[in-house]
Protein backbone atom coordinates (compact mmCIF):
# COMPACT_ATOMS: atom_id res chain seq x y z
CA MET A 1 -2.26 -28.35 -3.58
CA ASN A 2 -1.49 -26.65 -6.67
CA TRP A 3 -3.97 -24.23 -8.23
CA THR A 4 -5.27 -24.69 -11.66
CA ILE A 5 -4.33 -22.36 -14.62
CA GLU A 6 -7.14 -21.66 -17.14
CA TYR A 7 -6.62 -19.64 -20.29
CA TYR A 8 -9.40 -17.07 -21.16
CA ARG A 9 -11.15 -18.34 -24.43
CA ASP A 10 -13.31 -15.94 -26.22
CA SER A 11 -16.55 -16.75 -28.18
CA LYS A 12 -14.65 -17.52 -31.29
CA ASP A 13 -12.48 -20.19 -29.41
CA LYS A 14 -9.33 -17.85 -29.34
CA GLU A 15 -7.09 -17.92 -26.28
CA PRO A 16 -5.36 -14.51 -26.52
CA VAL A 17 -2.73 -15.10 -23.68
CA LYS A 18 -1.53 -18.37 -25.31
CA GLU A 19 -1.34 -16.45 -28.59
CA PHE A 20 0.84 -13.78 -26.78
CA ILE A 21 3.12 -16.54 -25.28
CA ASP A 22 3.54 -18.28 -28.65
CA GLY A 23 4.50 -15.23 -30.12
CA LEU A 24 7.35 -14.61 -27.98
CA PRO A 25 10.95 -15.97 -28.44
CA GLU A 26 11.68 -19.20 -26.95
CA LYS A 27 13.71 -17.95 -24.02
CA SER A 28 11.03 -15.63 -23.29
CA GLN A 29 8.28 -18.25 -23.61
CA ALA A 30 10.18 -20.43 -21.02
CA GLN A 31 10.50 -17.49 -18.47
CA VAL A 32 6.68 -16.85 -18.86
CA ILE A 33 5.80 -20.43 -18.42
CA GLY A 34 8.06 -20.63 -15.38
CA LYS A 35 6.21 -17.77 -13.65
CA ILE A 36 2.89 -19.11 -14.61
CA GLU A 37 3.91 -22.30 -12.90
CA LEU A 38 5.01 -20.45 -9.83
CA LEU A 39 1.46 -19.05 -9.66
CA ALA A 40 -0.04 -22.47 -9.99
CA LYS A 41 2.05 -23.73 -7.12
CA TYR A 42 1.95 -20.71 -4.65
CA GLY A 43 -1.45 -19.43 -5.58
CA VAL A 44 -2.73 -16.40 -3.75
CA LEU A 45 0.49 -16.68 -1.35
CA LEU A 46 2.82 -15.52 -4.49
CA LYS A 47 3.39 -11.72 -3.72
CA GLU A 48 5.65 -9.19 -5.17
CA PRO A 49 7.86 -8.96 -7.22
CA TYR A 50 5.97 -11.72 -9.08
CA THR A 51 2.41 -10.40 -8.60
CA ARG A 52 0.64 -7.20 -7.81
CA HIS A 53 -3.08 -6.27 -7.45
CA ILE A 54 -4.38 -3.97 -10.12
CA ARG A 55 -8.04 -3.18 -9.68
CA GLY A 56 -11.05 -4.93 -8.50
CA LYS A 57 -10.38 -8.76 -8.92
CA ILE A 58 -7.54 -7.99 -11.33
CA TRP A 59 -4.06 -8.92 -10.59
CA GLU A 60 -0.88 -9.05 -12.79
CA LEU A 61 1.75 -11.58 -13.04
CA ARG A 62 5.19 -9.78 -13.69
CA ILE A 63 7.88 -11.33 -15.94
CA MET A 64 11.06 -9.78 -17.24
CA VAL A 65 11.68 -11.05 -20.54
CA SER A 66 14.26 -10.31 -23.33
CA LYS A 67 12.02 -7.51 -24.90
CA GLY A 68 11.29 -5.84 -21.63
CA TYR A 69 8.43 -6.51 -19.17
CA SER A 70 5.67 -8.78 -19.66
CA ARG A 71 2.41 -8.50 -17.74
CA ILE A 72 -0.43 -11.14 -17.71
CA PHE A 73 -3.59 -10.04 -16.09
CA TYR A 74 -5.55 -12.68 -14.26
CA PHE A 75 -8.12 -13.26 -11.56
CA SER A 76 -9.07 -16.10 -9.11
CA TYR A 77 -12.14 -18.07 -9.76
CA THR A 78 -13.88 -20.59 -7.78
CA GLY A 79 -12.28 -24.21 -7.30
CA ARG A 80 -8.83 -22.86 -6.83
CA ARG A 81 -8.08 -21.81 -10.28
CA PHE A 82 -6.77 -18.70 -12.08
CA VAL A 83 -7.98 -17.38 -15.38
CA LEU A 84 -5.35 -15.61 -17.43
CA LEU A 85 -7.24 -13.01 -19.34
CA HIS A 86 -4.77 -10.61 -21.22
CA ALA A 87 -1.08 -10.30 -21.82
CA PHE A 88 1.18 -7.49 -23.08
CA LEU A 89 4.54 -6.11 -23.31
CA LYS A 90 4.87 -3.12 -20.85
CA LYS A 91 6.65 -0.17 -22.42
CA THR A 92 5.90 2.59 -19.94
CA ASP A 93 6.32 2.76 -16.16
CA LYS A 94 2.41 3.11 -15.65
CA THR A 95 0.11 0.55 -16.80
CA PRO A 96 -2.07 1.85 -19.74
CA PRO A 97 -5.68 1.85 -18.61
CA ALA A 98 -6.70 0.45 -22.13
CA GLU A 99 -4.88 -2.71 -21.04
CA ILE A 100 -6.61 -3.00 -17.62
CA ASP A 101 -10.04 -2.44 -19.58
CA ILE A 102 -9.46 -5.39 -21.82
CA ALA A 103 -9.02 -7.58 -19.03
CA GLU A 104 -11.84 -6.46 -17.24
CA LYS A 105 -14.13 -7.06 -20.28
CA ARG A 106 -12.73 -10.55 -20.61
CA MET A 107 -13.15 -11.38 -17.11
CA GLN A 108 -16.80 -10.42 -17.28
CA ASP A 109 -17.33 -12.21 -20.55
CA PHE A 110 -16.03 -15.34 -18.82
CA ILE A 111 -18.00 -15.03 -15.78
CA ASN A 112 -21.24 -14.46 -17.93
CA ARG A 113 -20.43 -17.44 -19.85
CA GLN A 114 -20.08 -19.74 -17.03
């Protein structure tokens, strides 16, 4: 049974991860969507090199795209669903703490509004 993928939507009805994906070149969009489909199919059983635990409930989906490495932060929520919180192009070896902070704030916002 597949997991449901849900995009975080802020209070202004914006979906930052969808906007990020839409801003990528077509080939990169296909690569990202393919990895999201893998996450939906395998759920928590999907391991490295595709996913990695970041901090707390936050995990990252790791995708190699034409511009480098794309990361999508997500967390699992009730009802076998993943909420995609934040996406960015990784340009350094270490994940910038500010990117993780954005994901954590969006996760808390999502939970508070449920």
